[in-house]
Amino acid sequence: MYENLVKHLETLIGIQLKILAVLAVGADGNAHQQEELLDSTDIKKMLNISDSTLYRLRKSKQLKCKLIAGKWFYYKSSILAESVNEGQ
């Protein structure tokens, strides 16, 4: 019985490690775990754009973003890259 319990615990630990690895890298496979996320209001102020422009940029995948709990968040690095592109 003890051996069986240890076997199940090792299986659970393996599953936990896999979950932690996915959370560290992200479900999409990109390593953004250390990158700052900004919400829509911050982005619109930063780029001086409207809701519809932000929607268009998100849909065209010009801005990297993530939907968390029903709210869109944008990676700061993609915002900085977009603002550089607009300046050219």
N, C-alpha and C. Protein backbone atom coordinates (compact mmCIF):
# COMPACT_ATOMS: atom_id res chain seq x y z
N MET A 1 0.82 -1.19 0.00
CA MET A 1 0.00 0.00 0.00
C MET A 1 0.86 1.26 0.00
N TYR A 2 1.93 1.25 0.79
CA TYR A 2 2.83 2.40 0.86
C TYR A 2 3.47 2.67 -0.50
N GLU A 3 3.88 1.60 -1.17
CA GLU A 3 4.50 1.75 -2.50
C GLU A 3 3.51 2.33 -3.50
N ASN A 4 2.26 1.91 -3.41
CA ASN A 4 1.23 2.42 -4.30
C ASN A 4 0.98 3.91 -4.05
N LEU A 5 0.97 4.31 -2.78
CA LEU A 5 0.78 5.70 -2.42
C LEU A 5 1.93 6.57 -2.94
N VAL A 6 3.15 6.09 -2.80
CA VAL A 6 4.32 6.82 -3.29
C VAL A 6 4.26 6.96 -4.80
N LYS A 7 3.82 5.92 -5.47
CA LYS A 7 3.70 5.95 -6.94
C LYS A 7 2.70 7.03 -7.37
N HIS A 8 1.56 7.11 -6.69
CA HIS A 8 0.56 8.12 -7.02
C HIS A 8 1.07 9.53 -6.71
N LEU A 9 1.79 9.67 -5.62
CA LEU A 9 2.35 10.98 -5.28
C LEU A 9 3.37 11.42 -6.33
N GLU A 10 4.18 10.50 -6.80
CA GLU A 10 5.15 10.84 -7.85
C GLU A 10 4.44 11.26 -9.14
N THR A 11 3.34 10.60 -9.44
CA THR A 11 2.54 10.97 -10.62
C THR A 11 1.98 12.38 -10.46
N LEU A 12 1.44 12.68 -9.28
CA LEU A 12 0.91 14.02 -9.03
C LEU A 12 1.99 15.09 -9.10
N ILE A 13 3.15 14.79 -8.58
CA ILE A 13 4.27 15.75 -8.66
C ILE A 13 4.66 15.99 -10.10
N GLY A 14 4.66 14.95 -10.91
CA GLY A 14 4.97 15.09 -12.34
C GLY A 14 3.96 15.98 -13.05
N ILE A 15 2.69 15.80 -12.72
CA ILE A 15 1.64 16.63 -13.31
C ILE A 15 1.81 18.08 -12.89
N GLN A 16 2.10 18.31 -11.62
CA GLN A 16 2.30 19.67 -11.13
C GLN A 16 3.48 20.34 -11.84
N LEU A 17 4.55 19.60 -12.05
CA LEU A 17 5.71 20.17 -12.74
C LEU A 17 5.37 20.55 -14.18
N LYS A 18 4.57 19.72 -14.85
CA LYS A 18 4.15 20.04 -16.21
C LYS A 18 3.29 21.29 -16.24
N ILE A 19 2.38 21.42 -15.27
CA ILE A 19 1.52 22.61 -15.19
C ILE A 19 2.36 23.85 -14.95
N LEU A 20 3.31 23.75 -14.05
CA LEU A 20 4.20 24.90 -13.78
C LEU A 20 5.01 25.29 -15.01
N ALA A 21 5.45 24.30 -15.78
CA ALA A 21 6.21 24.60 -17.00
C ALA A 21 5.34 25.34 -18.01
N VAL A 22 4.08 24.92 -18.15
CA VAL A 22 3.16 25.60 -19.08
C VAL A 22 2.90 27.02 -18.61
N LEU A 23 2.70 27.20 -17.31
CA LEU A 23 2.45 28.54 -16.79
C LEU A 23 3.67 29.44 -16.94
N ALA A 24 4.85 28.89 -16.81
CA ALA A 24 6.07 29.69 -16.93
C ALA A 24 6.29 30.14 -18.36
N VAL A 25 5.97 29.29 -19.31
CA VAL A 25 6.19 29.63 -20.72
C VAL A 25 4.96 30.28 -21.32
N GLY A 26 3.81 29.90 -20.87
CA GLY A 26 2.56 30.39 -21.44
C GLY A 26 1.94 29.32 -22.32
N ALA A 27 0.67 29.31 -22.40
CA ALA A 27 -0.04 28.28 -23.16
C ALA A 27 0.28 28.36 -24.64
N ASP A 28 0.62 29.54 -25.15
CA ASP A 28 0.93 29.69 -26.57
C ASP A 28 2.36 29.31 -26.90
N GLY A 29 3.17 28.94 -25.91
CA GLY A 29 4.54 28.51 -26.14
C GLY A 29 5.56 29.63 -26.18
N ASN A 30 5.14 30.86 -26.05
CA ASN A 30 6.07 31.99 -26.05
C ASN A 30 6.43 32.36 -24.63
N ALA A 31 7.70 32.68 -24.42
CA ALA A 31 8.17 33.01 -23.07
C ALA A 31 7.99 34.50 -22.80
N HIS A 32 6.79 34.87 -22.33
CA HIS A 32 6.49 36.26 -22.00
C HIS A 32 6.34 36.46 -20.50
N GLN A 33 6.74 35.45 -19.70
CA GLN A 33 6.41 35.49 -18.28
C GLN A 33 6.98 36.69 -17.55
N GLN A 34 8.06 37.28 -17.98
CA GLN A 34 8.66 38.40 -17.29
C GLN A 34 8.24 39.74 -17.89
N GLU A 35 7.51 39.72 -18.96
CA GLU A 35 7.18 40.94 -19.68
C GLU A 35 5.98 41.65 -19.07
N GLU A 36 6.02 42.97 -19.08
CA GLU A 36 4.95 43.77 -18.50
C GLU A 36 3.73 43.80 -19.42
N LEU A 37 2.56 43.67 -18.82
CA LEU A 37 1.30 43.74 -19.55
C LEU A 37 0.60 45.06 -19.24
N LEU A 38 -0.01 45.64 -20.27
CA LEU A 38 -0.76 46.89 -20.11
C LEU A 38 -2.19 46.67 -20.57
N ASP A 39 -3.14 47.35 -19.97
CA ASP A 39 -4.53 47.18 -20.39
C ASP A 39 -4.88 48.15 -21.52
N SER A 40 -6.10 48.04 -22.02
CA SER A 40 -6.52 48.82 -23.19
C SER A 40 -6.44 50.32 -22.95
N THR A 41 -6.83 50.76 -21.77
CA THR A 41 -6.80 52.20 -21.46
C THR A 41 -5.38 52.74 -21.53
N ASP A 42 -4.45 52.01 -20.95
CA ASP A 42 -3.04 52.43 -21.00
C ASP A 42 -2.54 52.53 -22.43
N ILE A 43 -2.90 51.55 -23.25
CA ILE A 43 -2.43 51.52 -24.64
C ILE A 43 -3.01 52.68 -25.44
N LYS A 44 -4.30 52.94 -25.25
CA LYS A 44 -4.94 54.04 -26.00
C LYS A 44 -4.33 55.38 -25.63
N LYS A 45 -4.01 55.56 -24.37
CA LYS A 45 -3.35 56.80 -23.95
C LYS A 45 -1.93 56.87 -24.49
N MET A 46 -1.22 55.77 -24.42
CA MET A 46 0.18 55.74 -24.84
C MET A 46 0.32 56.03 -26.34
N LEU A 47 -0.55 55.44 -27.13
CA LEU A 47 -0.47 55.60 -28.59
C LEU A 47 -1.40 56.69 -29.13
N ASN A 48 -2.24 57.25 -28.26
CA ASN A 48 -3.20 58.26 -28.66
C ASN A 48 -4.08 57.75 -29.80
N ILE A 49 -4.74 56.60 -29.54
CA ILE A 49 -5.59 55.97 -30.54
C ILE A 49 -6.98 55.72 -29.95
N SER A 50 -7.94 55.43 -30.81
CA SER A 50 -9.31 55.18 -30.40
C SER A 50 -9.52 53.69 -30.11
N ASP A 51 -10.71 53.38 -29.59
CA ASP A 51 -11.09 51.98 -29.35
C ASP A 51 -11.04 51.17 -30.64
N SER A 52 -11.59 51.76 -31.70
CA SER A 52 -11.66 51.02 -32.96
C SER A 52 -10.27 50.77 -33.56
N THR A 53 -9.37 51.72 -33.40
CA THR A 53 -8.00 51.53 -33.89
C THR A 53 -7.31 50.42 -33.10
N LEU A 54 -7.50 50.43 -31.80
CA LEU A 54 -6.91 49.38 -30.97
C LEU A 54 -7.47 48.02 -31.35
N TYR A 55 -8.76 47.95 -31.58
CA TYR A 55 -9.40 46.70 -32.02
C TYR A 55 -8.79 46.22 -33.34
N ARG A 56 -8.63 47.13 -34.29
CA ARG A 56 -8.07 46.79 -35.59
C ARG A 56 -6.63 46.28 -35.47
N LEU A 57 -5.83 46.94 -34.63
CA LEU A 57 -4.45 46.51 -34.42
C LEU A 57 -4.39 45.12 -33.78
N ARG A 58 -5.31 44.87 -32.85
CA ARG A 58 -5.36 43.56 -32.20
C ARG A 58 -5.78 42.48 -33.20
N LYS A 59 -6.83 42.76 -33.98
CA LYS A 59 -7.33 41.77 -34.94
C LYS A 59 -6.32 41.47 -36.05
N SER A 60 -5.55 42.47 -36.44
CA SER A 60 -4.54 42.27 -37.49
C SER A 60 -3.24 41.69 -36.92
N LYS A 61 -3.23 41.44 -35.61
CA LYS A 61 -2.10 40.84 -34.90
C LYS A 61 -0.84 41.70 -34.96
N GLN A 62 -1.03 43.01 -35.08
CA GLN A 62 0.11 43.92 -35.03
C GLN A 62 0.56 44.14 -33.59
N LEU A 63 -0.35 43.91 -32.64
CA LEU A 63 -0.02 44.01 -31.22
C LEU A 63 -0.18 42.64 -30.59
N LYS A 64 0.83 42.21 -29.87
CA LYS A 64 0.72 40.94 -29.15
C LYS A 64 -0.10 41.18 -27.90
N CYS A 65 -1.09 40.33 -27.70
CA CYS A 65 -1.98 40.52 -26.56
C CYS A 65 -2.42 39.18 -26.00
N LYS A 66 -3.09 39.27 -24.86
CA LYS A 66 -3.56 38.08 -24.17
C LYS A 66 -4.89 38.42 -23.50
N LEU A 67 -5.84 37.51 -23.61
CA LEU A 67 -7.13 37.68 -22.97
C LEU A 67 -7.08 37.00 -21.60
N ILE A 68 -7.24 37.80 -20.56
CA ILE A 68 -7.20 37.28 -19.19
C ILE A 68 -8.49 37.69 -18.50
N ALA A 69 -9.25 36.70 -18.08
CA ALA A 69 -10.51 36.93 -17.36
C ALA A 69 -11.43 37.89 -18.12
N GLY A 70 -11.48 37.74 -19.43
CA GLY A 70 -12.39 38.56 -20.24
C GLY A 70 -11.88 39.95 -20.57
N LYS A 71 -10.64 40.25 -20.24
CA LYS A 71 -10.08 41.58 -20.50
C LYS A 71 -8.79 41.43 -21.30
N TRP A 72 -8.61 42.27 -22.30
CA TRP A 72 -7.42 42.22 -23.14
C TRP A 72 -6.27 42.96 -22.48
N PHE A 73 -5.11 42.32 -22.48
CA PHE A 73 -3.87 42.92 -22.01
C PHE A 73 -2.85 42.82 -23.14
N TYR A 74 -2.00 43.83 -23.23
CA TYR A 74 -1.05 43.94 -24.34
C TYR A 74 0.37 43.92 -23.80
N TYR A 75 1.26 43.24 -24.52
CA TYR A 75 2.67 43.18 -24.13
C TYR A 75 3.33 44.52 -24.42
N LYS A 76 4.01 45.05 -23.43
CA LYS A 76 4.61 46.37 -23.56
C LYS A 76 5.61 46.43 -24.71
N SER A 77 6.35 45.36 -24.94
CA SER A 77 7.34 45.36 -26.02
C SER A 77 6.68 45.52 -27.39
N SER A 78 5.51 44.92 -27.59
CA SER A 78 4.84 45.07 -28.88
C SER A 78 4.29 46.48 -29.05
N ILE A 79 3.93 47.12 -27.94
CA ILE A 79 3.44 48.50 -28.00
C ILE A 79 4.58 49.43 -28.37
N LEU A 80 5.72 49.20 -27.77
CA LEU A 80 6.89 50.04 -28.09
C LEU A 80 7.30 49.85 -29.54
N ALA A 81 7.23 48.63 -30.03
CA ALA A 81 7.57 48.36 -31.44
C ALA A 81 6.58 49.04 -32.37
N GLU A 82 5.29 49.01 -32.01
CA GLU A 82 4.26 49.65 -32.83
C GLU A 82 4.44 51.17 -32.86
N SER A 83 4.79 51.77 -31.72
CA SER A 83 4.97 53.22 -31.69
C SER A 83 6.18 53.64 -32.50
N VAL A 84 7.20 52.79 -32.56
CA VAL A 84 8.37 53.06 -33.41
C VAL A 84 7.96 52.98 -34.87
N ASN A 85 7.14 51.98 -35.22
CA ASN A 85 6.67 51.82 -36.61
C ASN A 85 5.80 53.00 -37.03
N GLU A 86 4.97 53.51 -36.13
CA GLU A 86 4.12 54.67 -36.48
C GLU A 86 4.95 55.91 -36.72
N GLY A 87 6.08 56.02 -36.05
CA GLY A 87 6.94 57.20 -36.18
C GLY A 87 7.71 57.24 -37.49
N GLN A 88 7.74 56.13 -38.22
CA GLN A 88 8.51 56.10 -39.48
C GLN A 88 7.67 56.57 -40.64
